[in-house]
C-alpha atoms as a PDB file:
ATOM      1  CA  MET A   1      19.845  -3.579  42.268  1.00  0.00           C
ATOM      2  CA  LYS A   2      21.791  -3.107  38.743  1.00  0.00           C
ATOM      3  CA  LYS A   3      19.232  -6.279  37.481  1.00  0.00           C
ATOM      4  CA  ILE A   4      16.041  -4.099  38.683  1.00  0.00           C
ATOM      5  CA  GLY A   5      17.475  -0.840  37.411  1.00  0.00           C
ATOM      6  CA  ILE A   6      18.098  -2.257  34.269  1.00  0.00           C
ATOM      7  CA  PHE A   7      14.308  -4.102  34.559  1.00  0.00           C
ATOM      8  CA  ILE A   8      12.811  -0.335  35.129  1.00  0.00           C
ATOM      9  CA  LEU A   9      13.984   1.061  32.520  1.00  0.00           C
ATOM     10  CA  GLY A  10      12.851  -1.452  30.009  1.00  0.00           C
ATOM     11  CA  ILE A  11       9.292  -0.756  31.451  1.00  0.00           C
ATOM     12  CA  LEU A  12       9.821   2.796  31.450  1.00  0.00           C
ATOM     13  CA  ALA A  13      10.707   2.538  27.446  1.00  0.00           C
ATOM     14  CA  LEU A  14       7.720   0.419  26.690  1.00  0.00           C
ATOM     15  CA  VAL A  15       5.375   2.641  28.605  1.00  0.00           C
ATOM     16  CA  SER A  16       7.030   5.794  26.635  1.00  0.00           C
ATOM     17  CA  ASN A  17       6.632   3.803  22.913  1.00  0.00           C
ATOM     18  CA  SER A  18       3.025   3.038  23.561  1.00  0.00           C
ATOM     19  CA  SER A  19       2.218   6.360  25.129  1.00  0.00           C
ATOM     20  CA  SER A  20       3.816   8.103  22.023  1.00  0.00           C
ATOM     21  CA  ALA A  21       1.759   6.252  19.770  1.00  0.00           C
ATOM     22  CA  SER A  22      -1.604   6.418  21.305  1.00  0.00           C
ATOM     23  CA  SER A  23      -1.244  10.284  21.458  1.00  0.00           C
ATOM     24  CA  ILE A  24      -0.952  10.455  17.560  1.00  0.00           C
ATOM     25  CA  ASP A  25      -3.351  12.992  16.498  1.00  0.00           C
ATOM     26  CA  PRO A  26      -4.417  11.260  12.632  1.00  0.00           C
ATOM     27  CA  MET A  27      -5.649  14.427  11.711  1.00  0.00           C
ATOM     28  CA  ASN A  28      -2.092  16.370  12.307  1.00  0.00           C
ATOM     29  CA  LEU A  29      -0.033  13.349  11.706  1.00  0.00           C
ATOM     30  CA  PRO A  30       4.267  14.371  11.776  1.00  0.00           C
ATOM     31  CA  LYS A  31       5.637  15.152   8.504  1.00  0.00           C
ATOM     32  CA  PHE A  32       6.506  11.924   6.600  1.00  0.00           C
ATOM     33  CA  GLU A  33      10.465  11.212   6.905  1.00  0.00           C
ATOM     34  CA  HIS A  34      10.207   7.742   5.275  1.00  0.00           C
ATOM     35  CA  PHE A  35       8.346   5.502   2.864  1.00  0.00           C
ATOM     36  CA  VAL A  36       6.980   3.448   5.806  1.00  0.00           C
ATOM     37  CA  ASN A  37       5.772   5.651   8.482  1.00  0.00           C
ATOM     38  CA  ASP A  38       5.438   3.803  11.660  1.00  0.00           C
ATOM     39  CA  TYR A  39       3.262   5.884  14.398  1.00  0.00           C
ATOM     40  CA  SER A  40       1.903   2.576  16.039  1.00  0.00           C
ATOM     41  CA  ASN A  41       5.009   0.819  17.006  1.00  0.00           C
ATOM     42  CA  THR A  42       3.812  -2.093  15.050  1.00  0.00           C
ATOM     43  CA  LEU A  43       6.483  -3.042  12.519  1.00  0.00           C
ATOM     44  CA  SER A  44      10.227  -4.144  13.648  1.00  0.00           C
ATOM     45  CA  ILE A  45      13.099  -1.985  12.481  1.00  0.00           C
ATOM     46  CA  GLU A  46      14.694  -4.984  10.202  1.00  0.00           C
ATOM     47  CA  GLN A  47      10.249  -5.309   9.031  1.00  0.00           C
ATOM     48  CA  LYS A  48      10.317  -1.377   8.189  1.00  0.00           C
ATOM     49  CA  GLU A  49      14.069  -1.267   6.539  1.00  0.00           C
ATOM     50  CA  GLU A  50      12.937  -3.978   4.057  1.00  0.00           C
ATOM     51  CA  LEU A  51       9.274  -2.087   3.385  1.00  0.00           C
ATOM     52  CA  GLU A  52      11.742   1.233   2.698  1.00  0.00           C
ATOM     53  CA  GLN A  53      13.887  -1.138   0.290  1.00  0.00           C
ATOM     54  CA  LEU A  54      10.939  -2.081  -1.960  1.00  0.00           C
ATOM     55  CA  ALA A  55       9.441   1.275  -1.802  1.00  0.00           C
ATOM     56  CA  HIS A  56      12.662   2.819  -2.829  1.00  0.00           C
ATOM     57  CA  GLN A  57      13.045   0.024  -5.767  1.00  0.00           C
ATOM     58  CA  ILE A  58       9.410   1.308  -7.163  1.00  0.00           C
ATOM     59  CA  GLU A  59      10.594   5.035  -6.954  1.00  0.00           C
ATOM     60  CA  SER A  60      13.478   4.744  -8.469  1.00  0.00           C
ATOM     61  CA  SER A  61      12.286   1.922 -11.345  1.00  0.00           C
ATOM     62  CA  SER A  62       9.042   4.129 -12.095  1.00  0.00           C
ATOM     63  CA  GLY A  63       9.284   7.516 -10.416  1.00  0.00           C
ATOM     64  CA  TYR A  64       6.513   6.349  -8.614  1.00  0.00           C
ATOM     65  CA  GLN A  65       6.041   7.105  -4.814  1.00  0.00           C
ATOM     66  CA  VAL A  66       4.338   4.672  -2.910  1.00  0.00           C
ATOM     67  CA  VAL A  67       3.859   5.849   0.841  1.00  0.00           C
ATOM     68  CA  THR A  68       2.349   3.709   4.087  1.00  0.00           C
ATOM     69  CA  VAL A  69       1.794   5.352   6.887  1.00  0.00           C
ATOM     70  CA  LEU A  70       0.226   3.409  10.074  1.00  0.00           C
ATOM     71  CA  PHE A  71      -1.226   5.040  13.405  1.00  0.00           C
ATOM     72  CA  PRO A  72      -3.174   3.449  16.125  1.00  0.00           C
ATOM     73  CA  HIS A  73      -6.762   4.526  16.117  1.00  0.00           C
ATOM     74  CA  ARG A  74      -9.028   7.340  13.887  1.00  0.00           C
ATOM     75  CA  GLU A  75     -10.081   9.149  17.046  1.00  0.00           C
ATOM     76  CA  GLY A  76     -13.740   9.364  15.860  1.00  0.00           C
ATOM     77  CA  ASN A  77     -12.024  10.672  12.141  1.00  0.00           C
ATOM     78  CA  GLU A  78     -12.961   9.083   8.929  1.00  0.00           C
ATOM     79  CA  LEU A  79     -10.197   7.282   7.664  1.00  0.00           C
ATOM     80  CA  PHE A  80     -10.611   8.830   4.373  1.00  0.00           C
ATOM     81  CA  ASP A  81      -9.980  12.567   5.854  1.00  0.00           C
ATOM     82  CA  ILE A  82      -7.077  11.614   7.423  1.00  0.00           C
ATOM     83  CA  ALA A  83      -5.934   9.431   4.481  1.00  0.00           C
ATOM     84  CA  LEU A  84      -6.007  12.339   1.945  1.00  0.00           C
ATOM     85  CA  LYS A  85      -5.154  15.156   4.427  1.00  0.00           C
ATOM     86  CA  ALA A  86      -1.496  13.249   5.174  1.00  0.00           C
ATOM     87  CA  PHE A  87      -1.096  12.806   0.877  1.00  0.00           C
ATOM     88  CA  ASN A  88      -2.009  16.291  -0.003  1.00  0.00           C
ATOM     89  CA  GLU A  89       0.536  17.981   3.232  1.00  0.00           C
ATOM     90  CA  ASN A  90       3.187  15.586   2.278  1.00  0.00           C
ATOM     91  CA  LYS A  91       2.404  15.987  -1.550  1.00  0.00           C
ATOM     92  CA  ILE A  92       3.290  12.606  -2.246  1.00  0.00           C
ATOM     93  CA  GLY A  93       4.140  11.951  -5.697  1.00  0.00           C
ATOM     94  CA  ASP A  94       5.601  13.818  -8.930  1.00  0.00           C
ATOM     95  CA  LYS A  95       4.310  17.401  -8.819  1.00  0.00           C
ATOM     96  CA  LYS A  96       3.494  17.145 -12.608  1.00  0.00           C
ATOM     97  CA  ARG A  97       2.629  13.522 -13.384  1.00  0.00           C
ATOM     98  CA  ASN A  98       0.736  13.188  -9.309  1.00  0.00           C
ATOM     99  CA  ASP A  99       1.359   9.805  -9.428  1.00  0.00           C
ATOM    100  CA  GLY A 100       1.833   9.064  -6.012  1.00  0.00           C
ATOM    101  CA  LEU A 101       0.042   6.168  -3.996  1.00  0.00           C
ATOM    102  CA  LEU A 102      -0.854   6.169   0.141  1.00  0.00           C
ATOM    103  CA  LEU A 103      -1.136   2.832   2.073  1.00  0.00           C
ATOM    104  CA  ALA A 104      -3.034   4.207   5.426  1.00  0.00           C
ATOM    105  CA  ILE A 105      -3.984   1.605   8.367  1.00  0.00           C
ATOM    106  CA  ALA A 106      -5.374   2.681  12.072  1.00  0.00           C
ATOM    107  CA  THR A 107      -4.093  -0.920  12.999  1.00  0.00           C
ATOM    108  CA  GLU A 108      -5.858  -1.229  16.281  1.00  0.00           C
ATOM    109  CA  GLU A 109      -9.140  -1.112  14.568  1.00  0.00           C
ATOM    110  CA  LYS A 110      -7.729  -2.810  11.002  1.00  0.00           C
ATOM    111  CA  LYS A 111      -9.174  -0.023   9.031  1.00  0.00           C
ATOM    112  CA  ILE A 112      -7.309   0.358   5.752  1.00  0.00           C
ATOM    113  CA  ARG A 113      -7.472   2.897   2.713  1.00  0.00           C
ATOM    114  CA  ILE A 114      -5.355   3.337  -0.570  1.00  0.00           C
ATOM    115  CA  VAL A 115      -5.433   7.549  -1.769  1.00  0.00           C
ATOM    116  CA  VAL A 116      -4.200   7.614  -5.529  1.00  0.00           C
ATOM    117  CA  GLY A 117      -2.927  10.795  -7.412  1.00  0.00           C
ATOM    118  CA  TYR A 118      -4.487  12.056  -9.823  1.00  0.00           C
ATOM    119  CA  GLY A 119      -2.288  10.802 -12.286  1.00  0.00           C
ATOM    120  CA  LEU A 120      -2.915   7.441 -11.454  1.00  0.00           C
ATOM    121  CA  GLU A 121      -6.618   7.433 -10.915  1.00  0.00           C
ATOM    122  CA  ASP A 122      -6.811   6.228 -14.948  1.00  0.00           C
ATOM    123  CA  LYS A 123      -4.119   3.310 -13.990  1.00  0.00           C
ATOM    124  CA  ILE A 124      -5.581   2.253 -10.658  1.00  0.00           C
ATOM    125  CA  PRO A 125      -9.356   3.003 -10.767  1.00  0.00           C
ATOM    126  CA  ASP A 126     -11.481   2.514  -7.215  1.00  0.00           C
ATOM    127  CA  LEU A 127     -12.722  -0.706  -7.845  1.00  0.00           C
ATOM    128  CA  LEU A 128      -8.927  -1.870  -8.430  1.00  0.00           C
ATOM    129  CA  ALA A 129      -7.594  -0.159  -5.316  1.00  0.00           C
ATOM    130  CA  LYS A 130     -10.549  -2.305  -3.546  1.00  0.00           C
ATOM    131  CA  GLN A 131      -9.157  -5.640  -5.360  1.00  0.00           C
ATOM    132  CA  ILE A 132      -5.918  -4.482  -4.077  1.00  0.00           C
ATOM    133  CA  ILE A 133      -6.958  -4.387  -0.283  1.00  0.00           C
ATOM    134  CA  GLU A 134      -9.308  -7.201  -0.309  1.00  0.00           C
ATOM    135  CA  THR A 135      -7.176  -9.707  -1.805  1.00  0.00           C
ATOM    136  CA  LEU A 136      -3.850  -8.708  -1.118  1.00  0.00           C
ATOM    137  CA  ILE A 137      -3.388  -6.621   2.638  1.00  0.00           C
ATOM    138  CA  ARG A 138      -7.245  -7.322   4.218  1.00  0.00           C
ATOM    139  CA  PRO A 139      -6.500 -11.032   5.020  1.00  0.00           C
ATOM    140  CA  GLU A 140      -3.126 -10.001   6.480  1.00  0.00           C
ATOM    141  CA  VAL A 141      -4.064  -7.501   8.635  1.00  0.00           C
ATOM    142  CA  ASN A 142      -6.980  -9.222   9.745  1.00  0.00           C
ATOM    143  CA  ASN A 143      -4.911 -11.549  11.190  1.00  0.00           C
ATOM    144  CA  GLY A 144      -2.147  -9.350  12.530  1.00  0.00           C
ATOM    145  CA  ASN A 145       0.261  -9.643   9.699  1.00  0.00           C
ATOM    146  CA  PHE A 146       0.450  -5.906   9.023  1.00  0.00           C
ATOM    147  CA  HIS A 147       4.221  -6.278   7.672  1.00  0.00           C
ATOM    148  CA  GLN A 148       3.134  -8.918   5.091  1.00  0.00           C
ATOM    149  CA  GLY A 149      -0.140  -7.244   4.066  1.00  0.00           C
ATOM    150  CA  ILE A 150       2.203  -3.718   3.446  1.00  0.00           C
ATOM    151  CA  LYS A 151       4.630  -6.443   1.283  1.00  0.00           C
ATOM    152  CA  ASN A 152       1.968  -7.399  -0.837  1.00  0.00           C
ATOM    153  CA  PHE A 153       1.125  -3.980  -1.446  1.00  0.00           C
ATOM    154  CA  TYR A 154       4.730  -3.329  -2.473  1.00  0.00           C
ATOM    155  CA  SER A 155       5.564  -6.219  -4.363  1.00  0.00           C
ATOM    156  CA  PHE A 156       1.827  -5.520  -6.584  1.00  0.00           C
ATOM    157  CA  PHE A 157       3.700  -2.620  -7.919  1.00  0.00           C
ATOM    158  CA  LEU A 158       6.988  -4.431  -8.466  1.00  0.00           C
ATOM    159  CA  ASP A 159       5.374  -7.450 -10.074  1.00  0.00           C
ATOM    160  CA  GLU A 160       6.630  -7.886 -13.703  1.00  0.00           C
ATOM    161  CA  SER A 161       2.839  -8.421 -15.411  1.00  0.00           C
ATOM    162  CA  VAL A 162       1.940  -5.193 -13.353  1.00  0.00           C
ATOM    163  CA  GLN A 163       5.007  -2.904 -15.180  1.00  0.00           C
ATOM    164  CA  ASN A 164       4.070  -4.153 -18.274  1.00  0.00           C
ATOM    165  CA  GLN A 165       0.100  -2.892 -17.761  1.00  0.00           C
ATOM    166  CA  PHE A 166       1.715   0.344 -16.277  1.00  0.00           C
ATOM    167  CA  SER A 167       4.339   1.395 -19.312  1.00  0.00           C
ATOM    168  CA  ASP A 168       3.651   4.467 -20.861  1.00  0.00           C
ATOM    169  CA  GLN A 169       0.551   4.566 -23.919  1.00  0.00           C
ATOM    170  CA  SER A 170      -0.797   6.798 -25.664  1.00  0.00           C
ATOM    171  CA  SER A 171      -4.015   8.394 -24.159  1.00  0.00           C
ATOM    172  CA  GLU A 172      -6.574   6.566 -26.011  1.00  0.00           C
ATOM    173  CA  GLU A 173      -4.636   3.235 -25.461  1.00  0.00           C
ATOM    174  CA  ASP A 174      -5.012   4.350 -21.735  1.00  0.00           C
ATOM    175  CA  ASP A 175      -8.815   5.028 -22.042  1.00  0.00           C
ATOM    176  CA  LEU A 176      -8.746   1.928 -23.428  1.00  0.00           C
ATOM    177  CA  ARG A 177      -6.594  -0.158 -21.056  1.00  0.00           C
ATOM    178  CA  SER A 178      -8.689   1.389 -18.319  1.00  0.00           C
ATOM    179  CA  GLN A 179     -12.262  -0.029 -19.399  1.00  0.00           C
ATOM    180  CA  MET A 180     -10.620  -3.330 -19.659  1.00  0.00           C
ATOM    181  CA  ILE A 181      -8.913  -3.252 -15.617  1.00  0.00           C
ATOM    182  CA  PHE A 182     -12.454  -1.665 -14.417  1.00  0.00           C
ATOM    183  CA  LEU A 183     -14.440  -4.472 -16.200  1.00  0.00           C
ATOM    184  CA  GLY A 184     -11.568  -7.416 -15.623  1.00  0.00           C
ATOM    185  CA  VAL A 185     -11.330  -6.317 -11.819  1.00  0.00           C
ATOM    186  CA  TYR A 186     -15.107  -6.096 -11.309  1.00  0.00           C
ATOM    187  CA  THR A 187     -15.445  -9.824 -13.024  1.00  0.00           C
ATOM    188  CA  ILE A 188     -12.854 -11.283 -10.493  1.00  0.00           C
ATOM    189  CA  PHE A 189     -14.618  -9.110  -7.519  1.00  0.00           C
ATOM    190  CA  LEU A 190     -17.776 -10.859  -8.446  1.00  0.00           C
ATOM    191  CA  LEU A 191     -16.148 -14.242  -8.300  1.00  0.00           C
ATOM    192  CA  LEU A 192     -14.179 -13.612  -5.300  1.00  0.00           C
ATOM    193  CA  LEU A 193     -17.561 -13.304  -3.492  1.00  0.00           C
ATOM    194  CA  ILE A 194     -19.002 -16.550  -4.873  1.00  0.00           C
ATOM    195  CA  ILE A 195     -15.715 -18.191  -4.129  1.00  0.00           C
ATOM    196  CA  ARG A 196     -15.314 -17.396  -0.571  1.00  0.00           C
ATOM    197  CA  GLY A 197     -19.361 -17.965   0.171  1.00  0.00           C
ATOM    198  CA  SER A 198     -18.452 -21.499  -1.497  1.00  0.00           C
ATOM    199  CA  SER A 199     -14.939 -21.746   0.239  1.00  0.00           C
ATOM    200  CA  ARG A 200     -15.403 -20.650   3.599  1.00  0.00           C
ATOM    201  CA  LYS A 201     -15.041 -24.791   4.797  1.00  0.00           C
ATOM    202  CA  GLY A 202     -12.097 -25.109   2.655  1.00  0.00           C
ATOM    203  CA  GLY A 203     -10.057 -22.198   3.154  1.00  0.00           C
ATOM    204  CA  ARG A 204      -8.535 -19.688   1.061  1.00  0.00           C
ATOM    205  CA  SER A 205     -10.189 -18.914  -2.197  1.00  0.00           C
ATOM    206  CA  SER A 206      -8.250 -19.732  -5.471  1.00  0.00           C
ATOM    207  CA  ILE A 207      -7.435 -15.977  -6.130  1.00  0.00           C
ATOM    208  CA  ARG A 208      -5.346 -15.919  -3.046  1.00  0.00           C
ATOM    209  CA  ASN A 209      -3.871 -19.078  -3.414  1.00  0.00           C
ATOM    210  CA  ARG A 210      -2.472 -17.954  -6.839  1.00  0.00           C
ATOM    211  CA  TRP A 211      -0.533 -15.078  -4.808  1.00  0.00           C
ATOM    212  CA  ASP A 212       0.964 -17.768  -2.468  1.00  0.00           C
ATOM    213  CA  ARG A 213       2.183 -20.055  -5.571  1.00  0.00           C
ATOM    214  CA  ARG A 214       5.911 -18.796  -6.451  1.00  0.00           C
ATOM    215  CA  ASN A 215       5.563 -19.164 -10.143  1.00  0.00           C
ATOM    216  CA  ASN A 216       2.356 -17.792 -10.381  1.00  0.00           C
ATOM    217  CA  SER A 217       0.338 -14.411  -9.867  1.00  0.00           C
ATOM    218  CA  THR A 218      -2.571 -13.023  -8.792  1.00  0.00           C
ATOM    219  CA  LEU A 219      -1.216  -9.538  -9.533  1.00  0.00           C
ATOM    220  CA  GLY A 220      -1.209 -10.356 -13.170  1.00  0.00           C
ATOM    221  CA  SER A 221      -4.509 -12.005 -12.253  1.00  0.00           C
ATOM    222  CA  ILE A 222      -6.416  -9.181 -11.082  1.00  0.00           C
ATOM    223  CA  LEU A 223      -4.927  -6.757 -13.734  1.00  0.00           C
ATOM    224  CA  GLY A 224      -6.233  -9.218 -16.746  1.00  0.00           C
ATOM    225  CA  GLY A 225      -2.875 -10.524 -17.581  1.00  0.00           C
ATOM    226  CA  GLY A 226      -1.052 -14.265 -17.199  1.00  0.00           C
ATOM    227  CA  GLY A 227       2.349 -12.879 -15.377  1.00  0.00           C
ATOM    228  CA  SER A 228       4.849 -15.338 -14.525  1.00  0.00           C
ATOM    229  CA  GLY A 229       5.010 -13.716 -10.929  1.00  0.00           C
ATOM    230  CA  SER A 230       8.633 -12.609 -10.791  1.00  0.00           C
ATOM    231  CA  SER A 231       9.531  -9.502  -9.755  1.00  0.00           C
ATOM    232  CA  SER A 232      11.746  -6.895 -11.761  1.00  0.00           C
ATOM    233  CA  SER A 233      13.183  -3.330 -11.502  1.00  0.00           C
ATOM    234  CA  GLY A 234      11.872  -2.628 -15.523  1.00  0.00           C
ATOM    235  CA  GLY A 235       9.739  -1.840 -17.547  1.00  0.00           C
ATOM    236  CA  TRP A 236       8.204   0.933 -16.429  1.00  0.00           C
ATOM    237  CA  SER A 237       7.087   4.543 -17.545  1.00  0.00           C
ATOM    238  CA  SER A 238      10.210   6.930 -16.020  1.00  0.00           C
ATOM    239  CA  GLY A 239      12.940   6.914 -13.683  1.00  0.00           C
ATOM    240  CA  SER A 240      12.909   8.761 -10.643  1.00  0.00           C
ATOM    241  CA  SER A 241      15.314  11.775 -10.305  1.00  0.00           C
ATOM    242  CA  ARG A 242      15.387  11.813  -6.454  1.00  0.00           C
ATOM    243  CA  GLY A 243      18.247   9.664  -5.199  1.00  0.00           C
ATOM    244  CA  ARG A 244      18.399   7.251  -2.803  1.00  0.00           C
ATOM    245  CA  GLY A 245      17.408   8.495   0.895  1.00  0.00           C
ATOM    246  CA  GLY A 246      14.715   9.194   3.393  1.00  0.00           C
ATOM    247  CA  PHE A 247      11.308  10.600   1.908  1.00  0.00           C
ATOM    248  CA  SER A 248      10.892  13.683   0.427  1.00  0.00           C
ATOM    249  CA  GLY A 249       7.527  15.022  -1.185  1.00  0.00           C
ATOM    250  CA  GLY A 250       7.842  15.744  -4.722  1.00  0.00           C
ATOM    251  CA  GLY A 251       4.792  17.890  -5.057  1.00  0.00           C
ATOM    252  CA  GLY A 252       2.110  15.700  -6.042  1.00  0.00           C
ATOM    253  CA  ARG A 253      -1.549  15.994  -5.315  1.00  0.00           C
ATOM    254  CA  SER A 254      -4.835  13.889  -4.710  1.00  0.00           C
ATOM    255  CA  GLY A 255      -8.435  14.625  -5.143  1.00  0.00           C
ATOM    256  CA  GLY A 256      -8.944  11.215  -2.904  1.00  0.00           C
ATOM    257  CA  GLY A 257      -9.487   8.793  -5.780  1.00  0.00           C
ATOM    258  CA  GLY A 258      -8.869   5.025  -3.959  1.00  0.00           C
ATOM    259  CA  ALA A 259     -10.814   2.826  -1.920  1.00  0.00           C
ATOM    260  CA  GLY A 260     -10.856   1.472   1.471  1.00  0.00           C
ATOM    261  CA  ASP A 261     -12.554   2.078   5.344  1.00  0.00           C
END
């Protein structure tokens, strides 16, 4: 009898979690309390903790707030509208620098969107955001491996070559670097389309394979640098003044820069 009672309680807990996830209104998401906010019950506790640690590493080394939100379904809304509203309501990023990022995923539909704060639009133009999605996130999400896709996203901003690219520069250097990044990513994007078309029988593209190799980095290739593929917590523009703990928005804003579905 006791075993039956435990079984029933387990079933009720599963039903409760499922009902809670399905009842989420994507246009009125709860206020973010973490860097990784899973309203779809997709990630395990261990996976969320790992991703939270990566987000904290990014914030402590750069001041950038990189946040993720998962919810089951768009409920007929545009993912752009959902993500932009969530970004601005939670004030992701520093108020002066506007250096926040939001990764939004509708898990049941496997739709993805990256929203970029005003202050990062020169360093992460729309085409680069699209390339990050298509190369690092979407292949994993399409296979149902949401954790790995999000981990790839966070690892991008901890890659040594990316940190070097994002270091403080003069405004003139920023403009030149942005143009170089745009042209480089556009070229890689076209090559990726060609490679995908010719390698469907042979598996993943060479660009994707470079991400999987321990001592090589897709990230550096995306940004036009060689890169060693190693991660580091140094070399970024500025440190965060916020302590370790849950997420707290810094007053950042976005006008909708980024890419996705």
